[in-house]
């Protein structure tokens, strides 16, 4: 068994245990393998171990990987999520190649993604990023801005608003992690009540996935625990 295969088994076991502790079913929580800066060989190992949803932070790197696997039999059925900050000059590549964008935080970007989504492709699934910890250096909107942006996004025909995403400030204490994630879940449930197609709450990473799952996350973004530490000198 490869290291990545073993790591995936371990992460899935952690997700299962966290879900069961809060009376949820493991099937309610999707695992997104964050493969940024990792080579295609590592992704191929994850695919062989049954992983099919991958998250990329850097547009061109992600597009290169998507195009690589599109030519291979094992690339069938893969789902690619863009989870990094998105600049206007890179929106076309995301619109043309990815199935999901987790980091929508401006109407201007939403309009560009909508206009640049190729005819014949299904609508681009989008999540609105919330800056839940109010960090100056982080992307995302404050919760007060959510109703207006959500209403505008829902009106765009080539986008499908699926929910919310957050990257809270690092916090070692479980109860404080839980408190922040619970704020996100409240916002998610209110959004879902207004827009029935909303079904995705993307929150939780390697160090805080248990609290995120307890608070209602439906998708955890896990990189280090699957692929090991990243070498950002190669990013």
C-alpha atoms as a PDB file:
ATOM      1  CA  UNK A   1       0.000   0.000   0.000  1.00  0.00           C
ATOM      2  CA  UNK A   2       1.403   3.421  -0.951  1.00  0.00           C
ATOM      3  CA  UNK A   3       1.811   6.191   1.590  1.00  0.00           C
ATOM      4  CA  UNK A   4      -0.868   8.287  -0.125  1.00  0.00           C
ATOM      5  CA  UNK A   5      -3.278   5.350  -0.159  1.00  0.00           C
ATOM      6  CA  UNK A   6      -2.685   4.796   3.560  1.00  0.00           C
ATOM      7  CA  UNK A   7      -3.054   8.515   4.276  1.00  0.00           C
ATOM      8  CA  UNK A   8      -6.372   8.624   2.422  1.00  0.00           C
ATOM      9  CA  UNK A   9      -7.635   5.683   4.459  1.00  0.00           C
ATOM     10  CA  UNK A  10      -6.563   7.438   7.652  1.00  0.00           C
ATOM     11  CA  UNK A  11      -8.244  10.718   6.674  1.00  0.00           C
ATOM     12  CA  UNK A  12     -11.465   8.951   5.723  1.00  0.00           C
ATOM     13  CA  UNK A  13     -11.403   7.171   9.074  1.00  0.00           C
ATOM     14  CA  UNK A  14     -10.997  10.523  10.832  1.00  0.00           C
ATOM     15  CA  UNK A  15     -13.932  11.954   8.869  1.00  0.00           C
ATOM     16  CA  UNK A  16     -16.068   8.923   9.715  1.00  0.00           C
ATOM     17  CA  UNK A  17     -15.229   9.166  13.419  1.00  0.00           C
ATOM     18  CA  UNK A  18     -15.878  12.916  13.555  1.00  0.00           C
ATOM     19  CA  UNK A  19     -19.234  12.487  11.809  1.00  0.00           C
ATOM     20  CA  UNK A  20     -20.330   9.672  14.080  1.00  0.00           C
ATOM     21  CA  UNK A  21     -19.423  11.667  17.204  1.00  0.00           C
ATOM     22  CA  UNK A  22     -21.962  14.336  16.243  1.00  0.00           C
ATOM     23  CA  UNK A  23     -24.631  11.915  14.976  1.00  0.00           C
ATOM     24  CA  UNK A  24     -23.977  12.605  11.301  1.00  0.00           C
ATOM     25  CA  UNK A  25     -23.352  10.024   8.606  1.00  0.00           C
ATOM     26  CA  UNK A  26     -19.905   9.971   6.952  1.00  0.00           C
ATOM     27  CA  UNK A  27     -21.614  10.272   3.561  1.00  0.00           C
ATOM     28  CA  UNK A  28     -22.657  13.822   4.502  1.00  0.00           C
ATOM     29  CA  UNK A  29     -19.024  14.978   4.364  1.00  0.00           C
ATOM     30  CA  UNK A  30     -17.160  15.077   1.050  1.00  0.00           C
ATOM     31  CA  UNK A  31     -13.368  14.825   0.989  1.00  0.00           C
ATOM     32  CA  UNK A  32     -11.602  17.277  -1.307  1.00  0.00           C
ATOM     33  CA  UNK A  33      -7.931  16.362  -1.738  1.00  0.00           C
ATOM     34  CA  UNK A  34      -5.909  19.566  -1.973  1.00  0.00           C
ATOM     35  CA  UNK A  35      -3.235  18.790  -4.520  1.00  0.00           C
ATOM     36  CA  UNK A  36      -1.642  22.227  -4.983  1.00  0.00           C
ATOM     37  CA  UNK A  37       2.128  22.068  -5.615  1.00  0.00           C
ATOM     38  CA  UNK A  38       1.936  18.258  -5.807  1.00  0.00           C
ATOM     39  CA  UNK A  39       3.051  16.377  -8.952  1.00  0.00           C
ATOM     40  CA  UNK A  40       0.685  14.481 -11.202  1.00  0.00           C
ATOM     41  CA  UNK A  41       2.230  11.214  -9.979  1.00  0.00           C
ATOM     42  CA  UNK A  42       0.940  11.929  -6.457  1.00  0.00           C
ATOM     43  CA  UNK A  43      -2.518  12.724  -7.805  1.00  0.00           C
ATOM     44  CA  UNK A  44      -2.452   9.508  -9.832  1.00  0.00           C
ATOM     45  CA  UNK A  45      -1.759   7.572  -6.621  1.00  0.00           C
ATOM     46  CA  UNK A  46      -4.738   9.239  -4.969  1.00  0.00           C
ATOM     47  CA  UNK A  47      -6.947   8.424  -7.962  1.00  0.00           C
ATOM     48  CA  UNK A  48      -5.851   4.785  -7.774  1.00  0.00           C
ATOM     49  CA  UNK A  49      -6.918   4.835  -4.110  1.00  0.00           C
ATOM     50  CA  UNK A  50     -10.421   5.983  -5.060  1.00  0.00           C
ATOM     51  CA  UNK A  51     -10.149   9.770  -4.689  1.00  0.00           C
ATOM     52  CA  UNK A  52     -11.806  11.750  -7.492  1.00  0.00           C
ATOM     53  CA  UNK A  53     -12.253  15.335  -6.227  1.00  0.00           C
ATOM     54  CA  UNK A  54      -9.187  17.585  -6.165  1.00  0.00           C
ATOM     55  CA  UNK A  55      -8.604  21.187  -5.139  1.00  0.00           C
ATOM     56  CA  UNK A  56      -6.071  23.525  -6.721  1.00  0.00           C
ATOM     57  CA  UNK A  57      -4.994  26.999  -5.538  1.00  0.00           C
ATOM     58  CA  UNK A  58      -2.983  28.171  -8.537  1.00  0.00           C
ATOM     59  CA  UNK A  59      -4.871  28.603 -11.781  1.00  0.00           C
ATOM     60  CA  UNK A  60      -2.256  27.636 -14.368  1.00  0.00           C
ATOM     61  CA  UNK A  61      -0.946  24.711 -12.312  1.00  0.00           C
ATOM     62  CA  UNK A  62      -4.496  23.442 -11.943  1.00  0.00           C
ATOM     63  CA  UNK A  63      -5.243  23.810 -15.653  1.00  0.00           C
ATOM     64  CA  UNK A  64      -2.068  21.907 -16.535  1.00  0.00           C
ATOM     65  CA  UNK A  65      -3.135  19.017 -14.296  1.00  0.00           C
ATOM     66  CA  UNK A  66      -6.699  19.023 -15.633  1.00  0.00           C
ATOM     67  CA  UNK A  67      -5.397  18.848 -19.190  1.00  0.00           C
ATOM     68  CA  UNK A  68      -2.909  16.114 -18.258  1.00  0.00           C
ATOM     69  CA  UNK A  69      -5.543  13.810 -16.787  1.00  0.00           C
ATOM     70  CA  UNK A  70      -8.108  14.601 -19.485  1.00  0.00           C
ATOM     71  CA  UNK A  71      -5.940  12.565 -21.863  1.00  0.00           C
ATOM     72  CA  UNK A  72      -5.752   9.516 -19.574  1.00  0.00           C
ATOM     73  CA  UNK A  73      -8.301   6.782 -18.845  1.00  0.00           C
ATOM     74  CA  UNK A  74      -8.017   7.406 -15.090  1.00  0.00           C
ATOM     75  CA  UNK A  75      -8.980  11.029 -15.685  1.00  0.00           C
ATOM     76  CA  UNK A  76     -12.590  10.098 -16.419  1.00  0.00           C
ATOM     77  CA  UNK A  77     -14.944  11.335 -13.747  1.00  0.00           C
ATOM     78  CA  UNK A  78     -12.497  13.593 -11.920  1.00  0.00           C
ATOM     79  CA  UNK A  79     -13.895  16.753 -10.326  1.00  0.00           C
ATOM     80  CA  UNK A  80     -11.656  19.820 -10.147  1.00  0.00           C
ATOM     81  CA  UNK A  81     -12.233  22.621  -7.636  1.00  0.00           C
ATOM     82  CA  UNK A  82     -10.495  25.983  -7.708  1.00  0.00           C
ATOM     83  CA  UNK A  83      -9.909  27.002  -4.087  1.00  0.00           C
ATOM     84  CA  UNK A  84      -7.372  29.845  -4.285  1.00  0.00           C
ATOM     85  CA  UNK A  85      -7.753  33.621  -4.555  1.00  0.00           C
ATOM     86  CA  UNK A  86      -8.971  34.511  -8.026  1.00  0.00           C
ATOM     87  CA  UNK A  87      -7.711  37.511  -9.953  1.00  0.00           C
ATOM     88  CA  UNK A  88      -9.691  38.997 -12.818  1.00  0.00           C
ATOM     89  CA  UNK A  89      -7.043  38.141 -15.397  1.00  0.00           C
ATOM     90  CA  UNK A  90      -7.268  34.432 -14.497  1.00  0.00           C
ATOM     91  CA  UNK A  91     -11.064  34.107 -14.383  1.00  0.00           C
ATOM     92  CA  UNK A  92     -11.333  32.862 -17.974  1.00  0.00           C
ATOM     93  CA  UNK A  93      -9.137  29.828 -17.262  1.00  0.00           C
ATOM     94  CA  UNK A  94     -11.227  28.921 -14.215  1.00  0.00           C
ATOM     95  CA  UNK A  95     -14.464  29.361 -16.186  1.00  0.00           C
ATOM     96  CA  UNK A  96     -13.173  27.152 -19.006  1.00  0.00           C
ATOM     97  CA  UNK A  97     -11.629  24.294 -17.041  1.00  0.00           C
ATOM     98  CA  UNK A  98     -12.919  23.900 -13.491  1.00  0.00           C
ATOM     99  CA  UNK A  99     -16.216  22.477 -12.226  1.00  0.00           C
ATOM    100  CA  UNK A 100     -16.166  24.453  -8.973  1.00  0.00           C
ATOM    101  CA  UNK A 101     -14.877  27.783  -7.672  1.00  0.00           C
ATOM    102  CA  UNK A 102     -14.835  28.138  -3.871  1.00  0.00           C
ATOM    103  CA  UNK A 103     -13.524  31.685  -3.581  1.00  0.00           C
ATOM    104  CA  UNK A 104     -16.113  33.999  -5.075  1.00  0.00           C
ATOM    105  CA  UNK A 105     -16.132  37.288  -3.170  1.00  0.00           C
ATOM    106  CA  UNK A 106     -16.884  39.997  -5.735  1.00  0.00           C
ATOM    107  CA  UNK A 107     -19.743  40.526  -8.170  1.00  0.00           C
ATOM    108  CA  UNK A 108     -17.288  41.634 -10.862  1.00  0.00           C
ATOM    109  CA  UNK A 109     -15.562  38.239 -10.729  1.00  0.00           C
ATOM    110  CA  UNK A 110     -18.930  36.468 -10.745  1.00  0.00           C
ATOM    111  CA  UNK A 111     -19.960  38.342 -13.883  1.00  0.00           C
ATOM    112  CA  UNK A 112     -16.675  37.486 -15.602  1.00  0.00           C
ATOM    113  CA  UNK A 113     -16.986  33.787 -14.708  1.00  0.00           C
ATOM    114  CA  UNK A 114     -20.566  33.792 -15.975  1.00  0.00           C
ATOM    115  CA  UNK A 115     -19.690  35.493 -19.267  1.00  0.00           C
ATOM    116  CA  UNK A 116     -16.593  33.312 -19.811  1.00  0.00           C
ATOM    117  CA  UNK A 117     -18.184  29.928 -19.086  1.00  0.00           C
ATOM    118  CA  UNK A 118     -18.173  28.105 -22.439  1.00  0.00           C
ATOM    119  CA  UNK A 119     -21.437  27.286 -24.135  1.00  0.00           C
ATOM    120  CA  UNK A 120     -22.240  23.616 -23.713  1.00  0.00           C
ATOM    121  CA  UNK A 121     -20.603  23.277 -20.299  1.00  0.00           C
ATOM    122  CA  UNK A 122     -22.827  22.961 -17.238  1.00  0.00           C
ATOM    123  CA  UNK A 123     -23.026  26.024 -14.993  1.00  0.00           C
ATOM    124  CA  UNK A 124     -19.933  26.621 -12.885  1.00  0.00           C
ATOM    125  CA  UNK A 125     -20.620  25.641  -9.287  1.00  0.00           C
ATOM    126  CA  UNK A 126     -19.618  28.521  -7.020  1.00  0.00           C
ATOM    127  CA  UNK A 127     -19.238  29.094  -3.303  1.00  0.00           C
ATOM    128  CA  UNK A 128     -19.149  32.548  -1.749  1.00  0.00           C
ATOM    129  CA  UNK A 129     -16.105  32.978   0.476  1.00  0.00           C
ATOM    130  CA  UNK A 130     -16.766  34.466   3.894  1.00  0.00           C
ATOM    131  CA  UNK A 131     -14.002  36.205   5.850  1.00  0.00           C
ATOM    132  CA  UNK A 132     -15.404  34.821   9.091  1.00  0.00           C
ATOM    133  CA  UNK A 133     -12.431  35.874  11.247  1.00  0.00           C
ATOM    134  CA  UNK A 134     -12.379  39.409   9.764  1.00  0.00           C
ATOM    135  CA  UNK A 135      -8.703  39.171   8.832  1.00  0.00           C
ATOM    136  CA  UNK A 136      -7.382  42.089   6.804  1.00  0.00           C
ATOM    137  CA  UNK A 137      -5.071  39.832   4.807  1.00  0.00           C
ATOM    138  CA  UNK A 138      -7.721  37.258   3.888  1.00  0.00           C
ATOM    139  CA  UNK A 139     -10.109  37.195   0.951  1.00  0.00           C
ATOM    140  CA  UNK A 140     -13.831  36.932   1.424  1.00  0.00           C
ATOM    141  CA  UNK A 141     -16.763  39.119   2.350  1.00  0.00           C
ATOM    142  CA  UNK A 142     -18.220  39.866   5.767  1.00  0.00           C
ATOM    143  CA  UNK A 143     -21.513  38.156   6.590  1.00  0.00           C
ATOM    144  CA  UNK A 144     -23.490  41.395   6.253  1.00  0.00           C
ATOM    145  CA  UNK A 145     -22.615  41.499   2.544  1.00  0.00           C
ATOM    146  CA  UNK A 146     -23.785  37.944   1.842  1.00  0.00           C
ATOM    147  CA  UNK A 147     -27.497  38.527   1.023  1.00  0.00           C
ATOM    148  CA  UNK A 148     -26.800  41.081  -1.714  1.00  0.00           C
ATOM    149  CA  UNK A 149     -23.982  39.109  -3.354  1.00  0.00           C
ATOM    150  CA  UNK A 150     -25.937  35.852  -3.215  1.00  0.00           C
ATOM    151  CA  UNK A 151     -28.952  37.481  -4.868  1.00  0.00           C
ATOM    152  CA  UNK A 152     -26.770  38.841  -7.669  1.00  0.00           C
ATOM    153  CA  UNK A 153     -24.976  35.528  -8.238  1.00  0.00           C
ATOM    154  CA  UNK A 154     -28.212  33.533  -8.396  1.00  0.00           C
ATOM    155  CA  UNK A 155     -29.339  35.754 -11.273  1.00  0.00           C
ATOM    156  CA  UNK A 156     -26.358  34.721 -13.438  1.00  0.00           C
ATOM    157  CA  UNK A 157     -27.389  31.813 -15.696  1.00  0.00           C
ATOM    158  CA  UNK A 158     -23.958  30.230 -16.151  1.00  0.00           C
ATOM    159  CA  UNK A 159     -23.240  30.017 -12.431  1.00  0.00           C
ATOM    160  CA  UNK A 160     -24.854  27.775  -9.835  1.00  0.00           C
ATOM    161  CA  UNK A 161     -24.652  29.073  -6.269  1.00  0.00           C
ATOM    162  CA  UNK A 162     -24.011  25.994  -4.144  1.00  0.00           C
ATOM    163  CA  UNK A 163     -23.057  27.471  -0.782  1.00  0.00           C
ATOM    164  CA  UNK A 164     -20.304  29.013   1.309  1.00  0.00           C
ATOM    165  CA  UNK A 165     -16.589  28.588   2.028  1.00  0.00           C
ATOM    166  CA  UNK A 166     -14.394  29.884   4.836  1.00  0.00           C
ATOM    167  CA  UNK A 167     -10.773  29.732   5.994  1.00  0.00           C
ATOM    168  CA  UNK A 168     -10.868  30.871   9.630  1.00  0.00           C
ATOM    169  CA  UNK A 169      -7.801  32.216  11.399  1.00  0.00           C
ATOM    170  CA  UNK A 170      -5.671  29.365  12.799  1.00  0.00           C
ATOM    171  CA  UNK A 171      -6.926  28.331  16.224  1.00  0.00           C
ATOM    172  CA  UNK A 172      -5.618  25.444  18.330  1.00  0.00           C
ATOM    173  CA  UNK A 173      -8.515  25.285  20.810  1.00  0.00           C
ATOM    174  CA  UNK A 174     -11.318  22.972  19.682  1.00  0.00           C
ATOM    175  CA  UNK A 175     -14.110  24.946  21.338  1.00  0.00           C
ATOM    176  CA  UNK A 176     -13.002  28.192  19.710  1.00  0.00           C
ATOM    177  CA  UNK A 177     -12.753  26.413  16.339  1.00  0.00           C
ATOM    178  CA  UNK A 178     -16.284  25.135  16.882  1.00  0.00           C
ATOM    179  CA  UNK A 179     -17.640  28.582  17.746  1.00  0.00           C
ATOM    180  CA  UNK A 180     -16.329  30.116  14.508  1.00  0.00           C
ATOM    181  CA  UNK A 181     -17.512  27.220  12.358  1.00  0.00           C
ATOM    182  CA  UNK A 182     -20.945  27.362  13.991  1.00  0.00           C
ATOM    183  CA  UNK A 183     -21.294  30.976  12.821  1.00  0.00           C
ATOM    184  CA  UNK A 184     -20.654  29.763   9.306  1.00  0.00           C
ATOM    185  CA  UNK A 185     -23.251  27.031   9.635  1.00  0.00           C
ATOM    186  CA  UNK A 186     -25.888  29.532  10.755  1.00  0.00           C
ATOM    187  CA  UNK A 187     -25.205  31.628   7.662  1.00  0.00           C
ATOM    188  CA  UNK A 188     -25.253  28.507   5.485  1.00  0.00           C
ATOM    189  CA  UNK A 189     -28.621  27.330   6.823  1.00  0.00           C
ATOM    190  CA  UNK A 190     -30.134  30.796   6.308  1.00  0.00           C
ATOM    191  CA  UNK A 191     -28.832  30.861   2.720  1.00  0.00           C
ATOM    192  CA  UNK A 192     -30.137  27.344   2.092  1.00  0.00           C
ATOM    193  CA  UNK A 193     -33.581  28.355   3.314  1.00  0.00           C
ATOM    194  CA  UNK A 194     -33.707  31.117   0.714  1.00  0.00           C
ATOM    195  CA  UNK A 195     -32.060  29.197  -2.142  1.00  0.00           C
ATOM    196  CA  UNK A 196     -32.954  25.463  -2.109  1.00  0.00           C
ATOM    197  CA  UNK A 197     -30.104  24.494  -4.463  1.00  0.00           C
ATOM    198  CA  UNK A 198     -27.572  25.492  -1.789  1.00  0.00           C
ATOM    199  CA  UNK A 199     -26.051  22.296  -0.363  1.00  0.00           C
ATOM    200  CA  UNK A 200     -22.321  22.841   0.229  1.00  0.00           C
ATOM    201  CA  UNK A 201     -20.494  24.266   3.246  1.00  0.00           C
ATOM    202  CA  UNK A 202     -16.766  24.092   2.498  1.00  0.00           C
ATOM    203  CA  UNK A 203     -14.814  24.406   5.742  1.00  0.00           C
ATOM    204  CA  UNK A 204     -12.282  22.387   7.662  1.00  0.00           C
ATOM    205  CA  UNK A 205      -8.699  21.459   6.869  1.00  0.00           C
ATOM    206  CA  UNK A 206      -6.167  19.006   8.295  1.00  0.00           C
ATOM    207  CA  UNK A 207      -5.888  20.679  11.719  1.00  0.00           C
ATOM    208  CA  UNK A 208      -9.524  21.608  12.333  1.00  0.00           C
ATOM    209  CA  UNK A 209     -11.655  19.138  10.368  1.00  0.00           C
ATOM    210  CA  UNK A 210     -13.235  17.575  13.480  1.00  0.00           C
ATOM    211  CA  UNK A 211     -14.661  20.898  14.679  1.00  0.00           C
ATOM    212  CA  UNK A 212     -15.776  21.793  11.148  1.00  0.00           C
ATOM    213  CA  UNK A 213     -17.655  18.502  10.782  1.00  0.00           C
ATOM    214  CA  UNK A 214     -19.266  18.921  14.206  1.00  0.00           C
ATOM    215  CA  UNK A 215     -20.456  22.382  13.120  1.00  0.00           C
ATOM    216  CA  UNK A 216     -22.019  21.129   9.879  1.00  0.00           C
ATOM    217  CA  UNK A 217     -19.348  21.156   7.181  1.00  0.00           C
ATOM    218  CA  UNK A 218     -20.311  19.176   4.081  1.00  0.00           C
ATOM    219  CA  UNK A 219     -16.857  19.368   2.446  1.00  0.00           C
ATOM    220  CA  UNK A 220     -13.407  19.325   4.039  1.00  0.00           C
ATOM    221  CA  UNK A 221     -10.308  20.445   2.154  1.00  0.00           C
ATOM    222  CA  UNK A 222      -7.407  18.191   3.123  1.00  0.00           C
ATOM    223  CA  UNK A 223      -3.904  18.441   1.691  1.00  0.00           C
ATOM    224  CA  UNK A 224      -1.076  17.862   4.152  1.00  0.00           C
ATOM    225  CA  UNK A 225      -2.642  14.793   5.795  1.00  0.00           C
ATOM    226  CA  UNK A 226      -2.936  13.144   2.352  1.00  0.00           C
ATOM    227  CA  UNK A 227       0.072  14.314   0.369  1.00  0.00           C
ATOM    228  CA  UNK A 228       2.476  15.429   3.111  1.00  0.00           C
ATOM    229  CA  UNK A 229       4.022  18.851   3.652  1.00  0.00           C
ATOM    230  CA  UNK A 230       4.270  21.117   0.610  1.00  0.00           C
ATOM    231  CA  UNK A 231       7.410  22.542  -0.921  1.00  0.00           C
ATOM    232  CA  UNK A 232       6.343  26.058  -1.836  1.00  0.00           C
ATOM    233  CA  UNK A 233       9.651  26.753  -3.573  1.00  0.00           C
ATOM    234  CA  UNK A 234       8.238  24.702  -6.450  1.00  0.00           C
ATOM    235  CA  UNK A 235       4.856  26.464  -6.537  1.00  0.00           C
END
